[in-house]
C-alpha atoms as a PDB file:
ATOM      1  CA  UNK A   1      60.278  33.414 118.581  1.00  0.00           C
ATOM      2  CA  UNK A   2      56.865  34.449 120.263  1.00  0.00           C
ATOM      3  CA  UNK A   3      55.690  37.778 120.776  1.00  0.00           C
ATOM      4  CA  UNK A   4      56.278  37.714 124.607  1.00  0.00           C
ATOM      5  CA  UNK A   5      59.855  36.516 124.173  1.00  0.00           C
ATOM      6  CA  UNK A   6      60.549  39.294 121.462  1.00  0.00           C
ATOM      7  CA  UNK A   7      59.267  41.886 123.740  1.00  0.00           C
ATOM      8  CA  UNK A   8      61.251  40.750 126.814  1.00  0.00           C
ATOM      9  CA  UNK A   9      64.483  40.727 124.445  1.00  0.00           C
ATOM     10  CA  UNK A  10      63.624  44.282 123.260  1.00  0.00           C
ATOM     11  CA  UNK A  11      63.000  45.484 126.911  1.00  0.00           C
ATOM     12  CA  UNK A  12      66.579  43.869 127.862  1.00  0.00           C
ATOM     13  CA  UNK A  13      68.284  45.504 125.069  1.00  0.00           C
ATOM     14  CA  UNK A  14      66.819  48.899 125.560  1.00  0.00           C
ATOM     15  CA  UNK A  15      67.576  48.907 129.334  1.00  0.00           C
ATOM     16  CA  UNK A  16      71.059  47.626 128.466  1.00  0.00           C
ATOM     17  CA  UNK A  17      71.764  50.420 126.123  1.00  0.00           C
ATOM     18  CA  UNK A  18      70.357  53.068 128.204  1.00  0.00           C
ATOM     19  CA  UNK A  19      72.425  51.824 131.382  1.00  0.00           C
ATOM     20  CA  UNK A  20      75.773  51.655 129.142  1.00  0.00           C
ATOM     21  CA  UNK A  21      75.305  55.031 127.882  1.00  0.00           C
ATOM     22  CA  UNK A  22      74.448  56.544 131.229  1.00  0.00           C
ATOM     23  CA  UNK A  23      77.403  54.652 133.029  1.00  0.00           C
ATOM     24  CA  UNK A  24      79.590  55.844 130.256  1.00  0.00           C
ATOM     25  CA  UNK A  25      78.976  59.657 130.619  1.00  0.00           C
ATOM     26  CA  UNK A  26      79.259  59.364 134.458  1.00  0.00           C
ATOM     27  CA  UNK A  27      82.512  57.647 134.008  1.00  0.00           C
ATOM     28  CA  UNK A  28      83.687  60.955 132.143  1.00  0.00           C
ATOM     29  CA  UNK A  29      82.606  63.095 135.095  1.00  0.00           C
ATOM     30  CA  UNK A  30      79.212  64.112 134.221  1.00  0.00           C
ATOM     31  CA  UNK A  31      76.240  63.858 136.725  1.00  0.00           C
ATOM     32  CA  UNK A  32      72.663  64.382 136.431  1.00  0.00           C
ATOM     33  CA  UNK A  33      71.203  68.118 136.581  1.00  0.00           C
ATOM     34  CA  UNK A  34      68.058  69.908 136.324  1.00  0.00           C
ATOM     35  CA  UNK A  35      67.473  72.015 133.062  1.00  0.00           C
ATOM     36  CA  UNK A  36      67.174  75.596 133.433  1.00  0.00           C
ATOM     37  CA  UNK A  37      64.780  75.909 130.481  1.00  0.00           C
ATOM     38  CA  UNK A  38      61.708  77.803 129.711  1.00  0.00           C
ATOM     39  CA  UNK A  39      59.448  75.442 131.487  1.00  0.00           C
ATOM     40  CA  UNK A  40      61.421  75.480 134.649  1.00  0.00           C
ATOM     41  CA  UNK A  41      61.441  79.384 134.396  1.00  0.00           C
ATOM     42  CA  UNK A  42      57.428  79.428 133.775  1.00  0.00           C
ATOM     43  CA  UNK A  43      56.836  77.495 137.062  1.00  0.00           C
ATOM     44  CA  UNK A  44      58.482  80.008 139.053  1.00  0.00           C
ATOM     45  CA  UNK A  45      56.902  82.926 137.006  1.00  0.00           C
ATOM     46  CA  UNK A  46      53.489  81.251 137.820  1.00  0.00           C
ATOM     47  CA  UNK A  47      54.162  82.041 141.592  1.00  0.00           C
ATOM     48  CA  UNK A  48      54.113  85.647 141.010  1.00  0.00           C
ATOM     49  CA  UNK A  49      50.222  85.494 140.168  1.00  0.00           C
ATOM     50  CA  UNK A  50      49.750  84.225 143.592  1.00  0.00           C
ATOM     51  CA  UNK A  51      52.347  86.241 145.651  1.00  0.00           C
ATOM     52  CA  UNK A  52      51.643  88.775 148.335  1.00  0.00           C
ATOM     53  CA  UNK A  53      53.080  91.920 149.236  1.00  0.00           C
ATOM     54  CA  UNK A  54      55.424  90.298 151.533  1.00  0.00           C
ATOM     55  CA  UNK A  55      57.161  88.453 148.554  1.00  0.00           C
ATOM     56  CA  UNK A  56      60.425  89.247 146.681  1.00  0.00           C
ATOM     57  CA  UNK A  57      60.914  88.845 142.877  1.00  0.00           C
ATOM     58  CA  UNK A  58      64.432  88.652 141.419  1.00  0.00           C
ATOM     59  CA  UNK A  59      65.054  89.913 138.120  1.00  0.00           C
ATOM     60  CA  UNK A  60      68.372  90.274 136.248  1.00  0.00           C
ATOM     61  CA  UNK A  61      70.801  88.063 134.457  1.00  0.00           C
ATOM     62  CA  UNK A  62      73.214  85.313 135.298  1.00  0.00           C
ATOM     63  CA  UNK A  63      74.925  87.314 138.331  1.00  0.00           C
ATOM     64  CA  UNK A  64      71.714  87.385 140.082  1.00  0.00           C
ATOM     65  CA  UNK A  65      71.318  83.597 139.440  1.00  0.00           C
ATOM     66  CA  UNK A  66      74.764  82.878 140.894  1.00  0.00           C
ATOM     67  CA  UNK A  67      75.201  85.700 143.507  1.00  0.00           C
ATOM     68  CA  UNK A  68      71.697  85.560 145.313  1.00  0.00           C
ATOM     69  CA  UNK A  69      71.424  82.369 147.282  1.00  0.00           C
ATOM     70  CA  UNK A  70      67.986  81.742 148.067  1.00  0.00           C
ATOM     71  CA  UNK A  71      68.535  79.632 151.356  1.00  0.00           C
ATOM     72  CA  UNK A  72      70.798  82.470 152.758  1.00  0.00           C
ATOM     73  CA  UNK A  73      68.116  85.157 151.795  1.00  0.00           C
ATOM     74  CA  UNK A  74      65.596  83.526 153.413  1.00  0.00           C
ATOM     75  CA  UNK A  75      67.682  82.730 156.749  1.00  0.00           C
ATOM     76  CA  UNK A  76      68.297  86.344 157.002  1.00  0.00           C
ATOM     77  CA  UNK A  77      64.933  87.970 156.132  1.00  0.00           C
ATOM     78  CA  UNK A  78      62.205  84.890 156.584  1.00  0.00           C
ATOM     79  CA  UNK A  79      61.222  85.224 152.714  1.00  0.00           C
ATOM     80  CA  UNK A  80      62.244  82.774 149.937  1.00  0.00           C
ATOM     81  CA  UNK A  81      62.489  84.764 146.899  1.00  0.00           C
ATOM     82  CA  UNK A  82      61.054  83.965 143.314  1.00  0.00           C
ATOM     83  CA  UNK A  83      64.021  83.633 141.060  1.00  0.00           C
ATOM     84  CA  UNK A  84      63.224  84.901 137.575  1.00  0.00           C
ATOM     85  CA  UNK A  85      66.626  85.993 136.416  1.00  0.00           C
ATOM     86  CA  UNK A  86      67.729  84.791 133.094  1.00  0.00           C
ATOM     87  CA  UNK A  87      71.383  84.105 131.968  1.00  0.00           C
ATOM     88  CA  UNK A  88      72.511  86.420 129.008  1.00  0.00           C
ATOM     89  CA  UNK A  89      69.422  88.502 129.252  1.00  0.00           C
ATOM     90  CA  UNK A  90      68.139  91.854 129.940  1.00  0.00           C
ATOM     91  CA  UNK A  91      65.732  92.109 132.914  1.00  0.00           C
ATOM     92  CA  UNK A  92      63.681  94.901 131.226  1.00  0.00           C
ATOM     93  CA  UNK A  93      60.920  92.359 129.457  1.00  0.00           C
ATOM     94  CA  UNK A  94      60.691  90.337 132.447  1.00  0.00           C
ATOM     95  CA  UNK A  95      60.042  93.292 134.762  1.00  0.00           C
ATOM     96  CA  UNK A  96      57.530  94.809 132.129  1.00  0.00           C
ATOM     97  CA  UNK A  97      55.609  91.664 132.187  1.00  0.00           C
ATOM     98  CA  UNK A  98      55.216  91.780 136.104  1.00  0.00           C
ATOM     99  CA  UNK A  99      54.196  95.503 135.903  1.00  0.00           C
ATOM    100  CA  UNK A 100      51.685  95.078 133.225  1.00  0.00           C
ATOM    101  CA  UNK A 101      50.209  91.797 133.824  1.00  0.00           C
ATOM    102  CA  UNK A 102      50.186  91.167 137.530  1.00  0.00           C
ATOM    103  CA  UNK A 103      49.114  92.993 140.644  1.00  0.00           C
ATOM    104  CA  UNK A 104      52.068  92.220 142.483  1.00  0.00           C
ATOM    105  CA  UNK A 105      53.147  95.021 144.689  1.00  0.00           C
ATOM    106  CA  UNK A 106      55.895  93.564 147.062  1.00  0.00           C
ATOM    107  CA  UNK A 107      59.647  93.750 146.406  1.00  0.00           C
ATOM    108  CA  UNK A 108      61.411  93.613 142.982  1.00  0.00           C
ATOM    109  CA  UNK A 109      65.048  93.400 143.017  1.00  0.00           C
ATOM    110  CA  UNK A 110      66.603  94.076 139.841  1.00  0.00           C
ATOM    111  CA  UNK A 111      70.177  93.032 139.027  1.00  0.00           C
ATOM    112  CA  UNK A 112      72.113  95.589 136.898  1.00  0.00           C
ATOM    113  CA  UNK A 113      74.687  93.950 134.746  1.00  0.00           C
ATOM    114  CA  UNK A 114      75.459  97.026 132.660  1.00  0.00           C
ATOM    115  CA  UNK A 115      76.297  95.218 129.462  1.00  0.00           C
ATOM    116  CA  UNK A 116      72.936  93.607 129.372  1.00  0.00           C
ATOM    117  CA  UNK A 117      70.832  96.006 131.334  1.00  0.00           C
ATOM    118  CA  UNK A 118      71.827  98.706 128.876  1.00  0.00           C
ATOM    119  CA  UNK A 119      72.328  96.567 125.682  1.00  0.00           C
ATOM    120  CA  UNK A 120      69.112  96.899 123.747  1.00  0.00           C
ATOM    121  CA  UNK A 121      65.235  97.171 123.318  1.00  0.00           C
ATOM    122  CA  UNK A 122      65.416  95.470 119.683  1.00  0.00           C
ATOM    123  CA  UNK A 123      62.925  92.651 120.188  1.00  0.00           C
ATOM    124  CA  UNK A 124      65.163  90.201 118.081  1.00  0.00           C
ATOM    125  CA  UNK A 125      68.586  91.019 119.772  1.00  0.00           C
ATOM    126  CA  UNK A 126      69.689  88.027 121.986  1.00  0.00           C
ATOM    127  CA  UNK A 127      69.651  89.759 125.261  1.00  0.00           C
ATOM    128  CA  UNK A 128      65.800  90.844 124.770  1.00  0.00           C
ATOM    129  CA  UNK A 129      64.620  87.508 123.046  1.00  0.00           C
ATOM    130  CA  UNK A 130      66.153  85.384 125.463  1.00  0.00           C
ATOM    131  CA  UNK A 131      63.920  86.441 128.212  1.00  0.00           C
ATOM    132  CA  UNK A 132      60.874  87.527 126.242  1.00  0.00           C
ATOM    133  CA  UNK A 133      60.791  84.032 124.675  1.00  0.00           C
ATOM    134  CA  UNK A 134      60.334  82.943 128.307  1.00  0.00           C
ATOM    135  CA  UNK A 135      57.545  85.439 128.985  1.00  0.00           C
ATOM    136  CA  UNK A 136      55.866  84.326 125.717  1.00  0.00           C
ATOM    137  CA  UNK A 137      56.059  80.506 126.813  1.00  0.00           C
ATOM    138  CA  UNK A 138      54.584  81.289 130.081  1.00  0.00           C
ATOM    139  CA  UNK A 139      51.295  82.403 128.668  1.00  0.00           C
ATOM    140  CA  UNK A 140      51.336  80.261 125.594  1.00  0.00           C
ATOM    141  CA  UNK A 141      52.306  76.808 127.314  1.00  0.00           C
ATOM    142  CA  UNK A 142      49.976  73.876 127.121  1.00  0.00           C
ATOM    143  CA  UNK A 143      48.716  71.379 129.724  1.00  0.00           C
ATOM    144  CA  UNK A 144      50.627  68.764 127.779  1.00  0.00           C
ATOM    145  CA  UNK A 145      53.740  71.059 128.330  1.00  0.00           C
ATOM    146  CA  UNK A 146      53.051  71.378 131.816  1.00  0.00           C
ATOM    147  CA  UNK A 147      52.584  67.724 132.322  1.00  0.00           C
ATOM    148  CA  UNK A 148      55.763  66.972 130.267  1.00  0.00           C
ATOM    149  CA  UNK A 149      57.898  69.279 132.521  1.00  0.00           C
ATOM    150  CA  UNK A 150      56.466  67.536 135.678  1.00  0.00           C
ATOM    151  CA  UNK A 151      57.332  64.143 134.138  1.00  0.00           C
ATOM    152  CA  UNK A 152      60.851  65.122 132.881  1.00  0.00           C
ATOM    153  CA  UNK A 153      61.942  66.320 136.320  1.00  0.00           C
ATOM    154  CA  UNK A 154      62.490  62.960 137.878  1.00  0.00           C
ATOM    155  CA  UNK A 155      64.447  61.939 134.690  1.00  0.00           C
ATOM    156  CA  UNK A 156      66.509  64.964 134.549  1.00  0.00           C
ATOM    157  CA  UNK A 157      67.419  64.268 138.430  1.00  0.00           C
ATOM    158  CA  UNK A 158      68.621  60.884 137.770  1.00  0.00           C
ATOM    159  CA  UNK A 159      70.198  60.593 134.319  1.00  0.00           C
ATOM    160  CA  UNK A 160      73.373  62.233 133.286  1.00  0.00           C
ATOM    161  CA  UNK A 161      72.891  61.684 129.586  1.00  0.00           C
ATOM    162  CA  UNK A 162      69.758  63.876 129.535  1.00  0.00           C
ATOM    163  CA  UNK A 163      72.215  66.909 130.370  1.00  0.00           C
ATOM    164  CA  UNK A 164      71.071  69.870 128.014  1.00  0.00           C
ATOM    165  CA  UNK A 165      69.125  73.205 128.642  1.00  0.00           C
ATOM    166  CA  UNK A 166      68.484  76.310 126.707  1.00  0.00           C
ATOM    167  CA  UNK A 167      72.026  77.681 126.890  1.00  0.00           C
ATOM    168  CA  UNK A 168      73.234  74.882 124.545  1.00  0.00           C
ATOM    169  CA  UNK A 169      76.582  74.489 126.550  1.00  0.00           C
ATOM    170  CA  UNK A 170      79.384  73.245 124.710  1.00  0.00           C
ATOM    171  CA  UNK A 171      79.383  70.008 127.127  1.00  0.00           C
ATOM    172  CA  UNK A 172      75.797  69.213 126.547  1.00  0.00           C
ATOM    173  CA  UNK A 173      75.024  65.486 125.812  1.00  0.00           C
ATOM    174  CA  UNK A 174      72.017  66.248 123.281  1.00  0.00           C
ATOM    175  CA  UNK A 175      72.641  65.333 119.635  1.00  0.00           C
ATOM    176  CA  UNK A 176      73.249  68.987 118.496  1.00  0.00           C
ATOM    177  CA  UNK A 177      76.006  69.399 121.210  1.00  0.00           C
ATOM    178  CA  UNK A 178      77.630  66.207 120.315  1.00  0.00           C
ATOM    179  CA  UNK A 179      77.741  66.719 116.585  1.00  0.00           C
ATOM    180  CA  UNK A 180      79.283  70.051 117.151  1.00  0.00           C
ATOM    181  CA  UNK A 181      82.482  68.596 118.881  1.00  0.00           C
ATOM    182  CA  UNK A 182      83.088  66.665 115.817  1.00  0.00           C
ATOM    183  CA  UNK A 183      86.267  68.178 114.348  1.00  0.00           C
ATOM    184  CA  UNK A 184      86.907  67.740 110.286  1.00  0.00           C
ATOM    185  CA  UNK A 185      90.062  68.866 109.172  1.00  0.00           C
ATOM    186  CA  UNK A 186      90.762  72.511 110.188  1.00  0.00           C
ATOM    187  CA  UNK A 187      87.153  73.249 109.831  1.00  0.00           C
ATOM    188  CA  UNK A 188      85.739  75.158 113.119  1.00  0.00           C
ATOM    189  CA  UNK A 189      82.029  75.179 113.853  1.00  0.00           C
ATOM    190  CA  UNK A 190      81.996  78.648 115.565  1.00  0.00           C
ATOM    191  CA  UNK A 191      84.136  81.574 116.491  1.00  0.00           C
ATOM    192  CA  UNK A 192      82.740  81.379 120.059  1.00  0.00           C
ATOM    193  CA  UNK A 193      85.254  79.157 122.271  1.00  0.00           C
ATOM    194  CA  UNK A 194      83.862  76.268 124.017  1.00  0.00           C
ATOM    195  CA  UNK A 195      81.336  77.143 126.587  1.00  0.00           C
ATOM    196  CA  UNK A 196      81.252  74.669 129.376  1.00  0.00           C
ATOM    197  CA  UNK A 197      78.481  74.460 132.155  1.00  0.00           C
ATOM    198  CA  UNK A 198      79.857  75.882 135.420  1.00  0.00           C
ATOM    199  CA  UNK A 199      76.827  75.797 137.671  1.00  0.00           C
ATOM    200  CA  UNK A 200      74.286  73.389 139.403  1.00  0.00           C
ATOM    201  CA  UNK A 201      70.595  74.402 139.705  1.00  0.00           C
ATOM    202  CA  UNK A 202      67.996  73.440 142.021  1.00  0.00           C
ATOM    203  CA  UNK A 203      64.061  73.179 141.142  1.00  0.00           C
ATOM    204  CA  UNK A 204      63.386  76.514 142.385  1.00  0.00           C
ATOM    205  CA  UNK A 205      66.207  77.944 140.264  1.00  0.00           C
ATOM    206  CA  UNK A 206      68.736  78.480 143.027  1.00  0.00           C
ATOM    207  CA  UNK A 207      71.992  78.259 141.039  1.00  0.00           C
ATOM    208  CA  UNK A 208      75.328  77.657 142.686  1.00  0.00           C
ATOM    209  CA  UNK A 209      78.763  77.816 140.840  1.00  0.00           C
ATOM    210  CA  UNK A 210      80.283  74.363 140.656  1.00  0.00           C
ATOM    211  CA  UNK A 211      83.198  73.428 142.685  1.00  0.00           C
ATOM    212  CA  UNK A 212      85.356  72.714 139.723  1.00  0.00           C
ATOM    213  CA  UNK A 213      84.864  76.365 138.441  1.00  0.00           C
ATOM    214  CA  UNK A 214      85.862  77.954 141.956  1.00  0.00           C
ATOM    215  CA  UNK A 215      88.932  75.615 142.372  1.00  0.00           C
ATOM    216  CA  UNK A 216      90.259  74.513 138.973  1.00  0.00           C
ATOM    217  CA  UNK A 217      91.897  77.705 137.286  1.00  0.00           C
ATOM    218  CA  UNK A 218      92.446  76.148 134.045  1.00  0.00           C
ATOM    219  CA  UNK A 219      88.750  75.548 133.816  1.00  0.00           C
ATOM    220  CA  UNK A 220      87.819  78.927 134.939  1.00  0.00           C
ATOM    221  CA  UNK A 221      89.807  80.161 132.272  1.00  0.00           C
ATOM    222  CA  UNK A 222      87.736  78.691 129.552  1.00  0.00           C
ATOM    223  CA  UNK A 223      84.849  80.563 130.928  1.00  0.00           C
ATOM    224  CA  UNK A 224      86.926  83.791 130.905  1.00  0.00           C
ATOM    225  CA  UNK A 225      87.748  83.302 127.198  1.00  0.00           C
ATOM    226  CA  UNK A 226      84.062  83.168 126.547  1.00  0.00           C
ATOM    227  CA  UNK A 227      83.551  86.716 128.346  1.00  0.00           C
ATOM    228  CA  UNK A 228      86.198  88.025 126.290  1.00  0.00           C
ATOM    229  CA  UNK A 229      84.419  87.014 123.104  1.00  0.00           C
ATOM    230  CA  UNK A 230      81.320  88.245 124.145  1.00  0.00           C
ATOM    231  CA  UNK A 231      83.105  91.560 125.169  1.00  0.00           C
ATOM    232  CA  UNK A 232      84.706  92.008 121.902  1.00  0.00           C
ATOM    233  CA  UNK A 233      81.724  91.107 119.848  1.00  0.00           C
ATOM    234  CA  UNK A 234      79.128  93.396 121.679  1.00  0.00           C
ATOM    235  CA  UNK A 235      77.370  96.317 119.911  1.00  0.00           C
ATOM    236  CA  UNK A 236      77.176  99.719 121.454  1.00  0.00           C
ATOM    237  CA  UNK A 237      75.132 100.103 124.349  1.00  0.00           C
ATOM    238  CA  UNK A 238      71.508 101.695 123.917  1.00  0.00           C
ATOM    239  CA  UNK A 239      71.418 103.747 127.102  1.00  0.00           C
ATOM    240  CA  UNK A 240      68.628 106.234 125.819  1.00  0.00           C
ATOM    241  CA  UNK A 241      66.033 103.361 124.819  1.00  0.00           C
ATOM    242  CA  UNK A 242      66.552 101.113 127.568  1.00  0.00           C
ATOM    243  CA  UNK A 243      66.618 103.806 130.341  1.00  0.00           C
ATOM    244  CA  UNK A 244      63.285 105.285 128.997  1.00  0.00           C
ATOM    245  CA  UNK A 245      61.743 101.670 128.630  1.00  0.00           C
ATOM    246  CA  UNK A 246      62.625 100.758 132.163  1.00  0.00           C
ATOM    247  CA  UNK A 247      61.560 104.179 133.665  1.00  0.00           C
ATOM    248  CA  UNK A 248      58.308 104.005 132.422  1.00  0.00           C
ATOM    249  CA  UNK A 249      57.924 100.721 134.375  1.00  0.00           C
ATOM    250  CA  UNK A 250      59.525 102.007 137.311  1.00  0.00           C
ATOM    251  CA  UNK A 251      57.007 104.727 137.755  1.00  0.00           C
ATOM    252  CA  UNK A 252      54.039 102.374 137.186  1.00  0.00           C
ATOM    253  CA  UNK A 253      55.340  99.857 139.786  1.00  0.00           C
ATOM    254  CA  UNK A 254      56.127 102.610 142.447  1.00  0.00           C
ATOM    255  CA  UNK A 255      52.595 104.216 141.805  1.00  0.00           C
ATOM    256  CA  UNK A 256      50.821 101.089 142.809  1.00  0.00           C
ATOM    257  CA  UNK A 257      52.883 100.450 146.048  1.00  0.00           C
ATOM    258  CA  UNK A 258      55.637  98.424 144.843  1.00  0.00           C
ATOM    259  CA  UNK A 259      59.104  98.224 146.486  1.00  0.00           C
ATOM    260  CA  UNK A 260      61.823  98.445 143.712  1.00  0.00           C
ATOM    261  CA  UNK A 261      65.401  97.892 144.589  1.00  0.00           C
ATOM    262  CA  UNK A 262      68.441  98.137 142.264  1.00  0.00           C
ATOM    263  CA  UNK A 263      71.725  96.055 142.745  1.00  0.00           C
ATOM    264  CA  UNK A 264      75.041  95.977 141.037  1.00  0.00           C
ATOM    265  CA  UNK A 265      76.777  92.336 141.580  1.00  0.00           C
ATOM    266  CA  UNK A 266      80.354  91.858 141.817  1.00  0.00           C
ATOM    267  CA  UNK A 267      82.682  91.506 138.868  1.00  0.00           C
ATOM    268  CA  UNK A 268      86.496  91.261 138.823  1.00  0.00           C
ATOM    269  CA  UNK A 269      89.397  90.926 136.739  1.00  0.00           C
ATOM    270  CA  UNK A 270      89.305  91.789 132.934  1.00  0.00           C
ATOM    271  CA  UNK A 271      85.525  91.884 132.964  1.00  0.00           C
ATOM    272  CA  UNK A 272      85.554  94.750 135.611  1.00  0.00           C
ATOM    273  CA  UNK A 273      88.043  96.669 133.642  1.00  0.00           C
ATOM    274  CA  UNK A 274      86.108  96.091 130.423  1.00  0.00           C
ATOM    275  CA  UNK A 275      82.973  97.447 132.111  1.00  0.00           C
ATOM    276  CA  UNK A 276      84.655 100.583 133.576  1.00  0.00           C
ATOM    277  CA  UNK A 277      85.977 101.365 130.054  1.00  0.00           C
ATOM    278  CA  UNK A 278      82.864 100.597 128.153  1.00  0.00           C
ATOM    279  CA  UNK A 279      79.996 101.462 130.572  1.00  0.00           C
ATOM    280  CA  UNK A 280      81.624 103.620 133.313  1.00  0.00           C
ATOM    281  CA  UNK A 281      79.734 103.993 136.507  1.00  0.00           C
ATOM    282  CA  UNK A 282      79.119 107.503 136.335  1.00  0.00           C
ATOM    283  CA  UNK A 283      77.439 107.515 132.979  1.00  0.00           C
ATOM    284  CA  UNK A 284      75.454 104.307 133.483  1.00  0.00           C
ATOM    285  CA  UNK A 285      74.823 103.141 137.185  1.00  0.00           C
ATOM    286  CA  UNK A 286      74.809 106.715 138.664  1.00  0.00           C
ATOM    287  CA  UNK A 287      72.528 108.083 136.095  1.00  0.00           C
ATOM    288  CA  UNK A 288      70.226 105.039 136.333  1.00  0.00           C
ATOM    289  CA  UNK A 289      69.788 105.242 140.112  1.00  0.00           C
ATOM    290  CA  UNK A 290      69.346 109.083 140.036  1.00  0.00           C
ATOM    291  CA  UNK A 291      66.488 108.901 137.639  1.00  0.00           C
ATOM    292  CA  UNK A 292      65.010 105.854 139.245  1.00  0.00           C
ATOM    293  CA  UNK A 293      65.274 107.309 142.962  1.00  0.00           C
ATOM    294  CA  UNK A 294      64.754 103.879 144.303  1.00  0.00           C
ATOM    295  CA  UNK A 295      67.062 102.233 147.099  1.00  0.00           C
ATOM    296  CA  UNK A 296      70.249 101.198 144.984  1.00  0.00           C
ATOM    297  CA  UNK A 297      73.132  98.894 146.001  1.00  0.00           C
ATOM    298  CA  UNK A 298      76.626  98.807 144.390  1.00  0.00           C
ATOM    299  CA  UNK A 299      78.903  96.265 145.541  1.00  0.00           C
ATOM    300  CA  UNK A 300      81.693  98.981 145.533  1.00  0.00           C
ATOM    301  CA  UNK A 301      80.436 101.004 148.124  1.00  0.00           C
ATOM    302  CA  UNK A 302      80.240  98.594 150.933  1.00  0.00           C
ATOM    303  CA  UNK A 303      83.284  97.090 152.900  1.00  0.00           C
ATOM    304  CA  UNK A 304      81.383  93.751 153.243  1.00  0.00           C
ATOM    305  CA  UNK A 305      80.895  93.481 149.578  1.00  0.00           C
ATOM    306  CA  UNK A 306      83.787  95.152 147.678  1.00  0.00           C
ATOM    307  CA  UNK A 307      86.522  92.386 148.143  1.00  0.00           C
ATOM    308  CA  UNK A 308      84.794  89.506 146.512  1.00  0.00           C
ATOM    309  CA  UNK A 309      86.859  87.803 143.854  1.00  0.00           C
ATOM    310  CA  UNK A 310      84.965  86.053 140.911  1.00  0.00           C
ATOM    311  CA  UNK A 311      86.969  82.982 139.864  1.00  0.00           C
ATOM    312  CA  UNK A 312      85.767  83.404 136.307  1.00  0.00           C
ATOM    313  CA  UNK A 313      85.665  87.356 136.806  1.00  0.00           C
ATOM    314  CA  UNK A 314      81.835  87.548 136.440  1.00  0.00           C
ATOM    315  CA  UNK A 315      80.244  85.423 139.134  1.00  0.00           C
ATOM    316  CA  UNK A 316      80.858  84.343 142.749  1.00  0.00           C
ATOM    317  CA  UNK A 317      81.602  80.997 144.412  1.00  0.00           C
ATOM    318  CA  UNK A 318      78.912  79.370 145.961  1.00  0.00           C
ATOM    319  CA  UNK A 319      80.336  80.020 149.455  1.00  0.00           C
ATOM    320  CA  UNK A 320      80.999  83.648 148.386  1.00  0.00           C
ATOM    321  CA  UNK A 321      77.605  83.990 147.011  1.00  0.00           C
ATOM    322  CA  UNK A 322      76.119  83.037 150.276  1.00  0.00           C
ATOM    323  CA  UNK A 323      78.297  85.594 152.113  1.00  0.00           C
ATOM    324  CA  UNK A 324      77.345  88.238 149.626  1.00  0.00           C
ATOM    325  CA  UNK A 325      73.449  87.441 150.052  1.00  0.00           C
ATOM    326  CA  UNK A 326      73.642  87.464 153.782  1.00  0.00           C
ATOM    327  CA  UNK A 327      75.680  90.521 153.988  1.00  0.00           C
ATOM    328  CA  UNK A 328      73.471  92.265 151.147  1.00  0.00           C
ATOM    329  CA  UNK A 329      70.316  91.305 153.081  1.00  0.00           C
ATOM    330  CA  UNK A 330      71.573  92.865 156.278  1.00  0.00           C
ATOM    331  CA  UNK A 331      72.686  96.034 154.562  1.00  0.00           C
ATOM    332  CA  UNK A 332      69.147  96.269 153.048  1.00  0.00           C
ATOM    333  CA  UNK A 333      67.518  95.568 156.340  1.00  0.00           C
ATOM    334  CA  UNK A 334      69.508  98.144 158.148  1.00  0.00           C
ATOM    335  CA  UNK A 335      68.639 100.628 155.482  1.00  0.00           C
ATOM    336  CA  UNK A 336      65.004 100.057 155.888  1.00  0.00           C
ATOM    337  CA  UNK A 337      64.923  98.831 152.187  1.00  0.00           C
ATOM    338  CA  UNK A 338      63.038  95.794 152.818  1.00  0.00           C
ATOM    339  CA  UNK A 339      59.603  96.792 153.549  1.00  0.00           C
ATOM    340  CA  UNK A 340      58.097  93.408 153.291  1.00  0.00           C
ATOM    341  CA  UNK A 341      59.728  91.691 156.052  1.00  0.00           C
ATOM    342  CA  UNK A 342      57.474  89.498 158.015  1.00  0.00           C
ATOM    343  CA  UNK A 343      56.934  90.199 161.590  1.00  0.00           C
ATOM    344  CA  UNK A 344      55.868  87.817 164.572  1.00  0.00           C
END
């Protein structure tokens, strides 16, 4: 067999194997999706270095990712926000990076999910390291890593079997996730209940809850079980340290002309009950907003915002998120909170 024929056969086998693997996972209901990884976050972070005082930057955890729809915000205000929220993370390290390492003095909206915002300032704790690792990657990334990310986007957009990102969902298709699903006798791989991906993401990190989560109660309940696990294992909040850390950056940002806004996104069901018990509004949100002395918006304070129901108790469906974003933007505009609105 000559070399040319061998190469041809090898190429045919590779294409056949890849096609079979892709078709199999698509038959299981999987579809291509962009990875919300450090590289994707870093691309958005890079936009801040060139942003003007007219721009808006979003920090927070997954509620800011799900509940702030970038299209809706842009339609209402004329500004497309830079989305820098990170799931399961405190907003504090990201906001400090912006304050200390950029000259940005536009509008920063910080989402306050009490259990994460007030969680910790310990560098090795998950809420802190999740976002800090992304900040570090932004400064340390090589040109090779940047090029690798650019080349990977078309592949992620077209192949379902590449489904995997920093969150390590139970239904990811990388080797680690596949092996973790193998059951041997009565052994369990983790106390954490199965955690399935329940969102779709665009290149600019605009996140929407999947239709399945919004419509399939049984599937939504699998996510609710995960919130219950996190709630039952979460350490006590560190209100003093987180408040002191944040207030230092608040003052520095305001002193250079920045516009800071705090937002408490909706939660419902058992998650809201747990938040009321462990982090009551009067002792956390009210104290924070009083000390920060900036424009602040709690969903319970507005008729347009307080009746949303979260399918899995912590995030809004895609349609409700669009409504929430639109109404919140209108409230902020009427309140004079958006000092950066473009004028004709």
